[in-house]
């Protein structure tokens, strides 16, 4: 599940980045002071970082938790800055869903992560 979420996040990075650039140009032209384009870019970067972390995590609890934190922070940045870029709400909720799925994965497989840590402490 982690690898699938990581790949989807990296693909969505490109799509969200392109949409955010268009929204940012629209924000600049309108001159209303909206930050939805910039917030979308931050969300895209947070999703990319989280996706890369998931791809390299190999059952390391710290890296998984870091990825969850990036998803949640990215979602918060996006959801609080939705303006004319209404797709940002969708991407923010998706970021929260990914974070939630990873939390569920962490609790479901906590015995795997605990065994890894125990075997390291025995050595």
PDB file of N, CA and C in Angstrom:
ATOM      1  N   UNK A   1       0.825  -1.191   0.000  1.00  0.00           N
ATOM      2  CA  UNK A   1       0.000   0.000   0.000  1.00  0.00           C
ATOM      3  C   UNK A   1       0.874   1.262   0.000  1.00  0.00           C
ATOM      4  N   UNK A   2       1.991   1.215   0.743  1.00  0.00           N
ATOM      5  CA  UNK A   2       2.853   2.398   0.819  1.00  0.00           C
ATOM      6  C   UNK A   2       3.410   2.772  -0.549  1.00  0.00           C
ATOM      7  N   UNK A   3       3.836   1.775  -1.295  1.00  0.00           N
ATOM      8  CA  UNK A   3       4.428   2.053  -2.612  1.00  0.00           C
ATOM      9  C   UNK A   3       3.397   2.642  -3.574  1.00  0.00           C
ATOM     10  N   UNK A   4       2.169   2.128  -3.515  1.00  0.00           N
ATOM     11  CA  UNK A   4       1.115   2.635  -4.398  1.00  0.00           C
ATOM     12  C   UNK A   4       0.813   4.098  -4.075  1.00  0.00           C
ATOM     13  N   UNK A   5       0.669   4.413  -2.801  1.00  0.00           N
ATOM     14  CA  UNK A   5       0.418   5.798  -2.391  1.00  0.00           C
ATOM     15  C   UNK A   5       1.591   6.684  -2.800  1.00  0.00           C
ATOM     16  N   UNK A   6       2.815   6.176  -2.656  1.00  0.00           N
ATOM     17  CA  UNK A   6       3.996   6.948  -3.046  1.00  0.00           C
ATOM     18  C   UNK A   6       4.019   7.260  -4.530  1.00  0.00           C
ATOM     19  N   UNK A   7       3.700   6.271  -5.360  1.00  0.00           N
ATOM     20  CA  UNK A   7       3.689   6.479  -6.813  1.00  0.00           C
ATOM     21  C   UNK A   7       2.586   7.452  -7.205  1.00  0.00           C
ATOM     22  N   UNK A   8       1.393   7.270  -6.630  1.00  0.00           N
ATOM     23  CA  UNK A   8       0.281   8.189  -6.932  1.00  0.00           C
ATOM     24  C   UNK A   8       0.645   9.618  -6.531  1.00  0.00           C
ATOM     25  N   UNK A   9       1.299   9.777  -5.390  1.00  0.00           N
ATOM     26  CA  UNK A   9       1.692  11.114  -4.927  1.00  0.00           C
ATOM     27  C   UNK A   9       2.679  11.773  -5.877  1.00  0.00           C
ATOM     28  N   UNK A  10       3.632  10.995  -6.380  1.00  0.00           N
ATOM     29  CA  UNK A  10       4.628  11.572  -7.285  1.00  0.00           C
ATOM     30  C   UNK A  10       4.008  11.943  -8.632  1.00  0.00           C
ATOM     31  N   UNK A  11       3.045  11.161  -9.099  1.00  0.00           N
ATOM     32  CA  UNK A  11       2.356  11.501 -10.347  1.00  0.00           C
ATOM     33  C   UNK A  11       1.479  12.739 -10.139  1.00  0.00           C
ATOM     34  N   UNK A  12       0.774  12.783  -9.010  1.00  0.00           N
ATOM     35  CA  UNK A  12      -0.073  13.942  -8.718  1.00  0.00           C
ATOM     36  C   UNK A  12       0.739  15.218  -8.547  1.00  0.00           C
ATOM     37  N   UNK A  13       1.993  15.092  -8.133  1.00  0.00           N
ATOM     38  CA  UNK A  13       2.860  16.267  -7.999  1.00  0.00           C
ATOM     39  C   UNK A  13       2.890  17.055  -9.299  1.00  0.00           C
ATOM     40  N   UNK A  14       3.072  16.366 -10.417  1.00  0.00           N
ATOM     41  CA  UNK A  14       3.140  17.058 -11.708  1.00  0.00           C
ATOM     42  C   UNK A  14       1.816  17.746 -12.032  1.00  0.00           C
ATOM     43  N   UNK A  15       0.727  17.025 -11.834  1.00  0.00           N
ATOM     44  CA  UNK A  15      -0.594  17.570 -12.157  1.00  0.00           C
ATOM     45  C   UNK A  15      -0.942  18.763 -11.271  1.00  0.00           C
ATOM     46  N   UNK A  16      -0.717  18.630  -9.972  1.00  0.00           N
ATOM     47  CA  UNK A  16      -1.033  19.718  -9.033  1.00  0.00           C
ATOM     48  C   UNK A  16      -0.137  20.924  -9.288  1.00  0.00           C
ATOM     49  N   UNK A  17       1.130  20.679  -9.609  1.00  0.00           N
ATOM     50  CA  UNK A  17       2.057  21.779  -9.891  1.00  0.00           C
ATOM     51  C   UNK A  17       1.599  22.583 -11.101  1.00  0.00           C
ATOM     52  N   UNK A  18       1.206  21.899 -12.165  1.00  0.00           N
ATOM     53  CA  UNK A  18       0.733  22.610 -13.359  1.00  0.00           C
ATOM     54  C   UNK A  18      -0.531  23.413 -13.050  1.00  0.00           C
ATOM     55  N   UNK A  19      -1.471  22.810 -12.338  1.00  0.00           N
ATOM     56  CA  UNK A  19      -2.688  23.534 -11.972  1.00  0.00           C
ATOM     57  C   UNK A  19      -2.376  24.731 -11.079  1.00  0.00           C
ATOM     58  N   UNK A  20      -1.438  24.559 -10.165  1.00  0.00           N
ATOM     59  CA  UNK A  20      -1.090  25.645  -9.247  1.00  0.00           C
ATOM     60  C   UNK A  20      -0.437  26.812  -9.975  1.00  0.00           C
ATOM     61  N   UNK A  21       0.362  26.496 -10.969  1.00  0.00           N
ATOM     62  CA  UNK A  21       0.987  27.574 -11.748  1.00  0.00           C
ATOM     63  C   UNK A  21      -0.071  28.383 -12.494  1.00  0.00           C
ATOM     64  N   UNK A  22      -1.033  27.704 -13.075  1.00  0.00           N
ATOM     65  CA  UNK A  22      -2.113  28.400 -13.775  1.00  0.00           C
ATOM     66  C   UNK A  22      -2.939  29.227 -12.783  1.00  0.00           C
ATOM     67  N   UNK A  23      -3.231  28.633 -11.622  1.00  0.00           N
ATOM     68  CA  UNK A  23      -3.993  29.366 -10.599  1.00  0.00           C
ATOM     69  C   UNK A  23      -3.202  30.558 -10.079  1.00  0.00           C
ATOM     70  N   UNK A  24      -1.895  30.404  -9.938  1.00  0.00           N
ATOM     71  CA  UNK A  24      -1.049  31.506  -9.476  1.00  0.00           C
ATOM     72  C   UNK A  24      -1.031  32.658 -10.461  1.00  0.00           C
ATOM     73  N   UNK A  25      -0.977  32.334 -11.747  1.00  0.00           N
ATOM     74  CA  UNK A  25      -1.025  33.387 -12.770  1.00  0.00           C
ATOM     75  C   UNK A  25      -2.382  34.085 -12.717  1.00  0.00           C
ATOM     76  N   UNK A  26      -3.445  33.298 -12.560  1.00  0.00           N
ATOM     77  CA  UNK A  26      -4.784  33.886 -12.442  1.00  0.00           C
ATOM     78  C   UNK A  26      -4.901  34.777 -11.216  1.00  0.00           C
ATOM     79  N   UNK A  27      -4.306  34.349 -10.106  1.00  0.00           N
ATOM     80  CA  UNK A  27      -4.316  35.165  -8.889  1.00  0.00           C
ATOM     81  C   UNK A  27      -3.574  36.476  -9.101  1.00  0.00           C
ATOM     82  N   UNK A  28      -2.457  36.411  -9.810  1.00  0.00           N
ATOM     83  CA  UNK A  28      -1.662  37.614 -10.058  1.00  0.00           C
ATOM     84  C   UNK A  28      -2.392  38.583 -10.986  1.00  0.00           C
ATOM     85  N   UNK A  29      -3.056  38.046 -11.993  1.00  0.00           N
ATOM     86  CA  UNK A  29      -3.775  38.903 -12.939  1.00  0.00           C
ATOM     87  C   UNK A  29      -4.955  39.596 -12.260  1.00  0.00           C
ATOM     88  N   UNK A  30      -5.684  38.829 -11.441  1.00  0.00           N
ATOM     89  CA  UNK A  30      -6.845  39.409 -10.755  1.00  0.00           C
ATOM     90  C   UNK A  30      -6.437  40.391  -9.666  1.00  0.00           C
ATOM     91  N   UNK A  31      -5.282  40.198  -9.069  1.00  0.00           N
ATOM     92  CA  UNK A  31      -4.780  41.103  -8.056  1.00  0.00           C
ATOM     93  C   UNK A  31      -5.592  41.141  -6.776  1.00  0.00           C
ATOM     94  N   UNK A  32      -6.232  40.020  -6.432  1.00  0.00           N
ATOM     95  CA  UNK A  32      -7.059  39.981  -5.233  1.00  0.00           C
ATOM     96  C   UNK A  32      -6.273  39.565  -3.994  1.00  0.00           C
ATOM     97  N   UNK A  33      -5.031  39.227  -4.151  1.00  0.00           N
ATOM     98  CA  UNK A  33      -4.209  38.846  -3.006  1.00  0.00           C
ATOM     99  C   UNK A  33      -4.419  37.410  -2.552  1.00  0.00           C
ATOM    100  N   UNK A  34      -5.024  36.580  -3.384  1.00  0.00           N
ATOM    101  CA  UNK A  34      -5.216  35.172  -3.034  1.00  0.00           C
ATOM    102  C   UNK A  34      -3.888  34.422  -3.095  1.00  0.00           C
ATOM    103  N   UNK A  35      -3.805  33.388  -2.279  1.00  0.00           N
ATOM    104  CA  UNK A  35      -2.581  32.583  -2.227  1.00  0.00           C
ATOM    105  C   UNK A  35      -2.835  31.136  -2.637  1.00  0.00           C
ATOM    106  N   UNK A  36      -3.958  30.868  -3.289  1.00  0.00           N
ATOM    107  CA  UNK A  36      -4.310  29.476  -3.589  1.00  0.00           C
ATOM    108  C   UNK A  36      -3.317  28.824  -4.548  1.00  0.00           C
ATOM    109  N   UNK A  37      -2.766  29.565  -5.479  1.00  0.00           N
ATOM    110  CA  UNK A  37      -1.772  29.003  -6.388  1.00  0.00           C
ATOM    111  C   UNK A  37      -0.498  28.613  -5.668  1.00  0.00           C
ATOM    112  N   UNK A  38      -0.037  29.477  -4.789  1.00  0.00           N
ATOM    113  CA  UNK A  38       1.172  29.184  -4.008  1.00  0.00           C
ATOM    114  C   UNK A  38       0.932  28.039  -3.032  1.00  0.00           C
ATOM    115  N   UNK A  39      -0.236  28.017  -2.417  1.00  0.00           N
ATOM    116  CA  UNK A  39      -0.568  26.937  -1.483  1.00  0.00           C
ATOM    117  C   UNK A  39      -0.623  25.602  -2.218  1.00  0.00           C
ATOM    118  N   UNK A  40      -1.145  25.605  -3.437  1.00  0.00           N
ATOM    119  CA  UNK A  40      -1.163  24.389  -4.241  1.00  0.00           C
ATOM    120  C   UNK A  40       0.230  23.896  -4.561  1.00  0.00           C
ATOM    121  N   UNK A  41       1.132  24.832  -4.820  1.00  0.00           N
ATOM    122  CA  UNK A  41       2.521  24.449  -5.092  1.00  0.00           C
ATOM    123  C   UNK A  41       3.167  23.833  -3.850  1.00  0.00           C
ATOM    124  N   UNK A  42       2.912  24.417  -2.693  1.00  0.00           N
ATOM    125  CA  UNK A  42       3.436  23.841  -1.446  1.00  0.00           C
ATOM    126  C   UNK A  42       2.854  22.451  -1.203  1.00  0.00           C
ATOM    127  N   UNK A  43       1.554  22.297  -1.431  1.00  0.00           N
ATOM    128  CA  UNK A  43       0.927  20.985  -1.264  1.00  0.00           C
ATOM    129  C   UNK A  43       1.566  19.968  -2.202  1.00  0.00           C
ATOM    130  N   UNK A  44       1.809  20.366  -3.446  1.00  0.00           N
ATOM    131  CA  UNK A  44       2.429  19.458  -4.411  1.00  0.00           C
ATOM    132  C   UNK A  44       3.828  19.042  -3.952  1.00  0.00           C
ATOM    133  N   UNK A  45       4.596  19.987  -3.442  1.00  0.00           N
ATOM    134  CA  UNK A  45       5.947  19.664  -2.971  1.00  0.00           C
ATOM    135  C   UNK A  45       5.887  18.726  -1.769  1.00  0.00           C
ATOM    136  N   UNK A  46       4.958  18.968  -0.855  1.00  0.00           N
ATOM    137  CA  UNK A  46       4.816  18.091   0.313  1.00  0.00           C
ATOM    138  C   UNK A  46       4.406  16.686  -0.116  1.00  0.00           C
ATOM    139  N   UNK A  47       3.546  16.583  -1.131  1.00  0.00           N
ATOM    140  CA  UNK A  47       3.150  15.264  -1.621  1.00  0.00           C
ATOM    141  C   UNK A  47       4.315  14.562  -2.305  1.00  0.00           C
ATOM    142  N   UNK A  48       5.134  15.310  -3.028  1.00  0.00           N
ATOM    143  CA  UNK A  48       6.309  14.715  -3.665  1.00  0.00           C
ATOM    144  C   UNK A  48       7.280  14.183  -2.620  1.00  0.00           C
ATOM    145  N   UNK A  49       7.558  14.986  -1.612  1.00  0.00           N
ATOM    146  CA  UNK A  49       8.480  14.553  -0.548  1.00  0.00           C
ATOM    147  C   UNK A  49       7.934  13.313   0.147  1.00  0.00           C
ATOM    148  N   UNK A  50       6.637  13.326   0.455  1.00  0.00           N
ATOM    149  CA  UNK A  50       6.021  12.168   1.106  1.00  0.00           C
ATOM    150  C   UNK A  50       6.102  10.932   0.224  1.00  0.00           C
ATOM    151  N   UNK A  51       5.852  11.093  -1.063  1.00  0.00           N
ATOM    152  CA  UNK A  51       5.933   9.962  -1.990  1.00  0.00           C
ATOM    153  C   UNK A  51       7.332   9.386  -2.076  1.00  0.00           C
ATOM    154  N   UNK A  52       8.324  10.245  -2.121  1.00  0.00           N
ATOM    155  CA  UNK A  52       9.716   9.774  -2.164  1.00  0.00           C
ATOM    156  C   UNK A  52      10.070   9.060  -0.869  1.00  0.00           C
ATOM    157  N   UNK A  53       9.650   9.618   0.261  1.00  0.00           N
ATOM    158  CA  UNK A  53       9.920   8.966   1.548  1.00  0.00           C
ATOM    159  C   UNK A  53       9.273   7.589   1.618  1.00  0.00           C
ATOM    160  N   UNK A  54       8.066   7.472   1.098  1.00  0.00           N
ATOM    161  CA  UNK A  54       7.393   6.168   1.106  1.00  0.00           C
ATOM    162  C   UNK A  54       8.120   5.150   0.228  1.00  0.00           C
ATOM    163  N   UNK A  55       8.684   5.614  -0.870  1.00  0.00           N
ATOM    164  CA  UNK A  55       9.384   4.697  -1.770  1.00  0.00           C
ATOM    165  C   UNK A  55      10.677   4.165  -1.163  1.00  0.00           C
ATOM    166  N   UNK A  56      11.300   4.934  -0.283  1.00  0.00           N
ATOM    167  CA  UNK A  56      12.576   4.500   0.300  1.00  0.00           C
ATOM    168  C   UNK A  56      12.436   3.963   1.712  1.00  0.00           C
ATOM    169  N   UNK A  57      11.216   3.885   2.250  1.00  0.00           N
ATOM    170  CA  UNK A  57      11.039   3.644   3.690  1.00  0.00           C
ATOM    171  C   UNK A  57      11.357   2.231   4.156  1.00  0.00           C
ATOM    172  N   UNK A  58      11.193   1.187   3.427  1.00  0.00           N
ATOM    173  CA  UNK A  58      11.529  -0.190   3.820  1.00  0.00           C
ATOM    174  C   UNK A  58      11.287  -0.502   5.290  1.00  0.00           C
ATOM    175  N   UNK A  59      10.061  -0.398   5.735  1.00  0.00           N
ATOM    176  CA  UNK A  59       9.636  -0.750   7.101  1.00  0.00           C
ATOM    177  C   UNK A  59      10.369   0.018   8.197  1.00  0.00           C
ATOM    178  N   UNK A  60      10.695   1.258   7.934  1.00  0.00           N
ATOM    179  CA  UNK A  60      11.284   2.112   8.970  1.00  0.00           C
ATOM    180  C   UNK A  60      10.187   3.032   9.495  1.00  0.00           C
ATOM    181  N   UNK A  61       9.920   2.908  10.779  1.00  0.00           N
ATOM    182  CA  UNK A  61       8.804   3.620  11.402  1.00  0.00           C
ATOM    183  C   UNK A  61       8.990   5.137  11.353  1.00  0.00           C
ATOM    184  N   UNK A  62      10.200   5.619  11.562  1.00  0.00           N
ATOM    185  CA  UNK A  62      10.453   7.059  11.574  1.00  0.00           C
ATOM    186  C   UNK A  62      10.186   7.709  10.234  1.00  0.00           C
ATOM    187  N   UNK A  63      10.584   7.045   9.168  1.00  0.00           N
ATOM    188  CA  UNK A  63      10.360   7.598   7.831  1.00  0.00           C
ATOM    189  C   UNK A  63       8.870   7.602   7.509  1.00  0.00           C
ATOM    190  N   UNK A  64       8.161   6.555   7.917  1.00  0.00           N
ATOM    191  CA  UNK A  64       6.719   6.487   7.686  1.00  0.00           C
ATOM    192  C   UNK A  64       5.996   7.603   8.438  1.00  0.00           C
ATOM    193  N   UNK A  65       6.374   7.837   9.676  1.00  0.00           N
ATOM    194  CA  UNK A  65       5.756   8.906  10.466  1.00  0.00           C
ATOM    195  C   UNK A  65       6.059  10.273   9.854  1.00  0.00           C
ATOM    196  N   UNK A  66       7.270  10.463   9.364  1.00  0.00           N
ATOM    197  CA  UNK A  66       7.631  11.718   8.699  1.00  0.00           C
ATOM    198  C   UNK A  66       6.771  11.945   7.467  1.00  0.00           C
ATOM    199  N   UNK A  67       6.546  10.890   6.708  1.00  0.00           N
ATOM    200  CA  UNK A  67       5.699  10.994   5.526  1.00  0.00           C
ATOM    201  C   UNK A  67       4.265  11.365   5.906  1.00  0.00           C
ATOM    202  N   UNK A  68       3.751  10.759   6.979  1.00  0.00           N
ATOM    203  CA  UNK A  68       2.400  11.080   7.456  1.00  0.00           C
ATOM    204  C   UNK A  68       2.309  12.556   7.837  1.00  0.00           C
ATOM    205  N   UNK A  69       3.316  13.050   8.522  1.00  0.00           N
ATOM    206  CA  UNK A  69       3.330  14.462   8.938  1.00  0.00           C
ATOM    207  C   UNK A  69       3.345  15.381   7.716  1.00  0.00           C
ATOM    208  N   UNK A  70       4.118  15.034   6.697  1.00  0.00           N
ATOM    209  CA  UNK A  70       4.142  15.844   5.477  1.00  0.00           C
ATOM    210  C   UNK A  70       2.781  15.858   4.791  1.00  0.00           C
ATOM    211  N   UNK A  71       2.105  14.711   4.745  1.00  0.00           N
ATOM    212  CA  UNK A  71       0.767  14.685   4.144  1.00  0.00           C
ATOM    213  C   UNK A  71      -0.207  15.574   4.908  1.00  0.00           C
ATOM    214  N   UNK A  72      -0.158  15.495   6.224  1.00  0.00           N
ATOM    215  CA  UNK A  72      -1.098  16.279   7.033  1.00  0.00           C
ATOM    216  C   UNK A  72      -0.802  17.775   6.934  1.00  0.00           C
ATOM    217  N   UNK A  73       0.462  18.156   7.012  1.00  0.00           N
ATOM    218  CA  UNK A  73       0.815  19.583   6.896  1.00  0.00           C
ATOM    219  C   UNK A  73       0.457  20.114   5.513  1.00  0.00           C
ATOM    220  N   UNK A  74       0.749  19.346   4.469  1.00  0.00           N
ATOM    221  CA  UNK A  74       0.388  19.761   3.115  1.00  0.00           C
ATOM    222  C   UNK A  74      -1.117  19.936   2.963  1.00  0.00           C
ATOM    223  N   UNK A  75      -1.881  19.011   3.546  1.00  0.00           N
ATOM    224  CA  UNK A  75      -3.334  19.123   3.500  1.00  0.00           C
ATOM    225  C   UNK A  75      -3.844  20.355   4.228  1.00  0.00           C
ATOM    226  N   UNK A  76      -3.233  20.653   5.371  1.00  0.00           N
ATOM    227  CA  UNK A  76      -3.635  21.844   6.128  1.00  0.00           C
ATOM    228  C   UNK A  76      -3.325  23.124   5.362  1.00  0.00           C
ATOM    229  N   UNK A  77      -2.153  23.181   4.761  1.00  0.00           N
ATOM    230  CA  UNK A  77      -1.788  24.366   3.967  1.00  0.00           C
ATOM    231  C   UNK A  77      -2.795  24.560   2.834  1.00  0.00           C
ATOM    232  N   UNK A  78      -3.125  23.471   2.169  1.00  0.00           N
ATOM    233  CA  UNK A  78      -4.061  23.566   1.054  1.00  0.00           C
ATOM    234  C   UNK A  78      -5.469  23.938   1.475  1.00  0.00           C
ATOM    235  N   UNK A  79      -5.981  23.282   2.503  1.00  0.00           N
ATOM    236  CA  UNK A  79      -7.382  23.474   2.879  1.00  0.00           C
ATOM    237  C   UNK A  79      -7.642  24.874   3.437  1.00  0.00           C
ATOM    238  N   UNK A  80      -6.632  25.477   4.061  1.00  0.00           N
ATOM    239  CA  UNK A  80      -6.822  26.820   4.618  1.00  0.00           C
ATOM    240  C   UNK A  80      -6.632  27.928   3.584  1.00  0.00           C
ATOM    241  N   UNK A  81      -6.170  27.586   2.382  1.00  0.00           N
ATOM    242  CA  UNK A  81      -5.917  28.609   1.361  1.00  0.00           C
ATOM    243  C   UNK A  81      -6.721  28.400   0.091  1.00  0.00           C
ATOM    244  N   UNK A  82      -7.800  27.650   0.172  1.00  0.00           N
ATOM    245  CA  UNK A  82      -8.639  27.451  -1.010  1.00  0.00           C
ATOM    246  C   UNK A  82      -9.305  28.778  -1.347  1.00  0.00           C
ATOM    247  N   UNK A  83      -9.170  29.172  -2.575  1.00  0.00           N
ATOM    248  CA  UNK A  83      -9.800  30.412  -3.043  1.00  0.00           C
ATOM    249  C   UNK A  83     -10.429  30.134  -4.391  1.00  0.00           C
ATOM    250  N   UNK A  84      -9.960  30.816  -5.406  1.00  0.00           N
ATOM    251  CA  UNK A  84     -10.483  30.590  -6.749  1.00  0.00           C
ATOM    252  C   UNK A  84     -10.012  29.242  -7.310  1.00  0.00           C
ATOM    253  N   UNK A  85      -8.955  28.689  -6.752  1.00  0.00           N
ATOM    254  CA  UNK A  85      -8.430  27.387  -7.162  1.00  0.00           C
ATOM    255  C   UNK A  85      -9.153  26.313  -6.353  1.00  0.00           C
ATOM    256  N   UNK A  86     -10.374  25.994  -6.771  1.00  0.00           N
ATOM    257  CA  UNK A  86     -11.235  25.100  -5.989  1.00  0.00           C
ATOM    258  C   UNK A  86     -10.752  23.653  -5.989  1.00  0.00           C
ATOM    259  N   UNK A  87      -9.961  23.254  -6.971  1.00  0.00           N
ATOM    260  CA  UNK A  87      -9.418  21.892  -6.969  1.00  0.00           C
ATOM    261  C   UNK A  87      -8.461  21.668  -5.806  1.00  0.00           C
ATOM    262  N   UNK A  88      -7.979  22.742  -5.241  1.00  0.00           N
ATOM    263  CA  UNK A  88      -7.064  22.634  -4.107  1.00  0.00           C
ATOM    264  C   UNK A  88      -7.730  21.925  -2.931  1.00  0.00           C
ATOM    265  N   UNK A  89      -9.027  22.112  -2.770  1.00  0.00           N
ATOM    266  CA  UNK A  89      -9.757  21.413  -1.696  1.00  0.00           C
ATOM    267  C   UNK A  89      -9.735  19.909  -1.931  1.00  0.00           C
ATOM    268  N   UNK A  90      -9.873  19.495  -3.179  1.00  0.00           N
ATOM    269  CA  UNK A  90      -9.848  18.067  -3.514  1.00  0.00           C
ATOM    270  C   UNK A  90      -8.473  17.479  -3.215  1.00  0.00           C
ATOM    271  N   UNK A  91      -7.428  18.172  -3.626  1.00  0.00           N
ATOM    272  CA  UNK A  91      -6.069  17.659  -3.409  1.00  0.00           C
ATOM    273  C   UNK A  91      -5.724  17.656  -1.918  1.00  0.00           C
ATOM    274  N   UNK A  92      -6.231  18.622  -1.182  1.00  0.00           N
ATOM    275  CA  UNK A  92      -5.980  18.666   0.259  1.00  0.00           C
ATOM    276  C   UNK A  92      -6.655  17.493   0.968  1.00  0.00           C
ATOM    277  N   UNK A  93      -7.898  17.222   0.601  1.00  0.00           N
ATOM    278  CA  UNK A  93      -8.598  16.081   1.195  1.00  0.00           C
ATOM    279  C   UNK A  93      -7.900  14.780   0.822  1.00  0.00           C
ATOM    280  N   UNK A  94      -7.423  14.672  -0.405  1.00  0.00           N
ATOM    281  CA  UNK A  94      -6.689  13.475  -0.819  1.00  0.00           C
ATOM    282  C   UNK A  94      -5.409  13.316  -0.005  1.00  0.00           C
ATOM    283  N   UNK A  95      -4.754  14.417   0.300  1.00  0.00           N
ATOM    284  CA  UNK A  95      -3.561  14.372   1.129  1.00  0.00           C
ATOM    285  C   UNK A  95      -3.895  13.878   2.539  1.00  0.00           C
ATOM    286  N   UNK A  96      -5.016  14.346   3.089  1.00  0.00           N
ATOM    287  CA  UNK A  96      -5.468  13.857   4.394  1.00  0.00           C
ATOM    288  C   UNK A  96      -5.800  12.361   4.334  1.00  0.00           C
ATOM    289  N   UNK A  97      -6.425  11.930   3.243  1.00  0.00           N
ATOM    290  CA  UNK A  97      -6.762  10.514   3.091  1.00  0.00           C
ATOM    291  C   UNK A  97      -5.500   9.661   3.047  1.00  0.00           C
ATOM    292  N   UNK A  98      -4.497  10.117   2.288  1.00  0.00           N
ATOM    293  CA  UNK A  98      -3.233   9.380   2.242  1.00  0.00           C
ATOM    294  C   UNK A  98      -2.599   9.296   3.629  1.00  0.00           C
ATOM    295  N   UNK A  99      -2.601  10.407   4.352  1.00  0.00           N
ATOM    296  CA  UNK A  99      -2.062  10.396   5.708  1.00  0.00           C
ATOM    297  C   UNK A  99      -2.833   9.443   6.607  1.00  0.00           C
ATOM    298  N   UNK A 100      -4.160   9.446   6.489  1.00  0.00           N
ATOM    299  CA  UNK A 100      -4.992   8.547   7.282  1.00  0.00           C
ATOM    300  C   UNK A 100      -4.759   7.083   6.949  1.00  0.00           C
ATOM    301  N   UNK A 101      -4.614   6.782   5.655  1.00  0.00           N
ATOM    302  CA  UNK A 101      -4.333   5.410   5.251  1.00  0.00           C
ATOM    303  C   UNK A 101      -2.988   4.936   5.790  1.00  0.00           C
ATOM    304  N   UNK A 102      -2.024   5.832   5.816  1.00  0.00           N
ATOM    305  CA  UNK A 102      -0.706   5.460   6.340  1.00  0.00           C
ATOM    306  C   UNK A 102      -0.738   5.277   7.854  1.00  0.00           C
ATOM    307  N   UNK A 103      -1.548   6.073   8.546  1.00  0.00           N
ATOM    308  CA  UNK A 103      -1.720   5.870   9.992  1.00  0.00           C
ATOM    309  C   UNK A 103      -2.357   4.504  10.238  1.00  0.00           C
ATOM    310  N   UNK A 104      -3.377   4.177   9.443  1.00  0.00           N
ATOM    311  CA  UNK A 104      -4.018   2.864   9.547  1.00  0.00           C
ATOM    312  C   UNK A 104      -3.006   1.747   9.275  1.00  0.00           C
ATOM    313  N   UNK A 105      -2.187   1.938   8.257  1.00  0.00           N
ATOM    314  CA  UNK A 105      -1.134   0.956   7.930  1.00  0.00           C
ATOM    315  C   UNK A 105      -0.161   0.800   9.096  1.00  0.00           C
ATOM    316  N   UNK A 106       0.191   1.894   9.718  1.00  0.00           N
ATOM    317  CA  UNK A 106       1.134   1.859  10.842  1.00  0.00           C
ATOM    318  C   UNK A 106       0.558   1.064  12.014  1.00  0.00           C
ATOM    319  N   UNK A 107      -0.714   1.300  12.340  1.00  0.00           N
ATOM    320  CA  UNK A 107      -1.322   0.580  13.455  1.00  0.00           C
ATOM    321  C   UNK A 107      -1.597  -0.887  13.124  1.00  0.00           C
ATOM    322  N   UNK A 108      -1.944  -1.162  11.866  1.00  0.00           N
ATOM    323  CA  UNK A 108      -2.185  -2.546  11.466  1.00  0.00           C
ATOM    324  C   UNK A 108      -0.915  -3.381  11.491  1.00  0.00           C
ATOM    325  N   UNK A 109       0.192  -2.771  11.166  1.00  0.00           N
ATOM    326  CA  UNK A 109       1.461  -3.494  11.050  1.00  0.00           C
ATOM    327  C   UNK A 109       2.447  -3.104  12.134  1.00  0.00           C
ATOM    328  N   UNK A 110       1.945  -2.700  13.288  1.00  0.00           N
ATOM    329  CA  UNK A 110       2.854  -2.248  14.338  1.00  0.00           C
ATOM    330  C   UNK A 110       3.753  -3.373  14.838  1.00  0.00           C
ATOM    331  N   UNK A 111       3.296  -4.624  14.748  1.00  0.00           N
ATOM    332  CA  UNK A 111       4.154  -5.731  15.169  1.00  0.00           C
ATOM    333  C   UNK A 111       5.377  -5.855  14.265  1.00  0.00           C
ATOM    334  N   UNK A 112       5.233  -5.559  12.977  1.00  0.00           N
ATOM    335  CA  UNK A 112       6.383  -5.595  12.061  1.00  0.00           C
ATOM    336  C   UNK A 112       7.391  -4.515  12.452  1.00  0.00           C
ATOM    337  N   UNK A 113       6.908  -3.321  12.721  1.00  0.00           N
ATOM    338  CA  UNK A 113       7.806  -2.224  13.066  1.00  0.00           C
ATOM    339  C   UNK A 113       8.441  -2.439  14.437  1.00  0.00           C
ATOM    340  N   UNK A 114       7.695  -3.027  15.382  1.00  0.00           N
ATOM    341  CA  UNK A 114       8.253  -3.296  16.709  1.00  0.00           C
ATOM    342  C   UNK A 114       9.300  -4.397  16.660  1.00  0.00           C
ATOM    343  N   UNK A 115       9.089  -5.437  15.841  1.00  0.00           N
ATOM    344  CA  UNK A 115      10.077  -6.514  15.723  1.00  0.00           C
ATOM    345  C   UNK A 115      11.376  -5.994  15.132  1.00  0.00           C
ATOM    346  N   UNK A 116      11.273  -5.104  14.168  1.00  0.00           N
ATOM    347  CA  UNK A 116      12.477  -4.522  13.580  1.00  0.00           C
ATOM    348  C   UNK A 116      13.277  -3.768  14.618  1.00  0.00           C
ATOM    349  N   UNK A 117      12.577  -2.966  15.438  1.00  0.00           N
ATOM    350  CA  UNK A 117      13.249  -2.173  16.465  1.00  0.00           C
ATOM    351  C   UNK A 117      13.828  -3.064  17.557  1.00  0.00           C
ATOM    352  N   UNK A 118      13.137  -4.159  17.934  1.00  0.00           N
ATOM    353  CA  UNK A 118      13.643  -5.060  18.952  1.00  0.00           C
ATOM    354  C   UNK A 118      14.887  -5.780  18.492  1.00  0.00           C
ATOM    355  N   UNK A 119      14.902  -6.197  17.227  1.00  0.00           N
ATOM    356  CA  UNK A 119      16.072  -6.913  16.719  1.00  0.00           C
ATOM    357  C   UNK A 119      17.282  -5.999  16.622  1.00  0.00           C
ATOM    358  N   UNK A 120      17.064  -4.718  16.396  1.00  0.00           N
ATOM    359  CA  UNK A 120      18.185  -3.772  16.375  1.00  0.00           C
ATOM    360  C   UNK A 120      18.723  -3.528  17.765  1.00  0.00           C
ATOM    361  N   UNK A 121      17.834  -3.489  18.764  1.00  0.00           N
ATOM    362  CA  UNK A 121      18.282  -3.221  20.142  1.00  0.00           C
ATOM    363  C   UNK A 121      18.976  -4.437  20.737  1.00  0.00           C
ATOM    364  N   UNK A 122      18.675  -5.667  20.258  1.00  0.00           N
ATOM    365  CA  UNK A 122      19.335  -6.870  20.747  1.00  0.00           C
ATOM    366  C   UNK A 122      20.757  -6.980  20.237  1.00  0.00           C
ATOM    367  N   UNK A 123      21.035  -6.383  19.091  1.00  0.00           N
ATOM    368  CA  UNK A 123      22.356  -6.510  18.476  1.00  0.00           C
ATOM    369  C   UNK A 123      23.401  -5.665  19.114  1.00  0.00           C
TER     370      UNK A 123
END
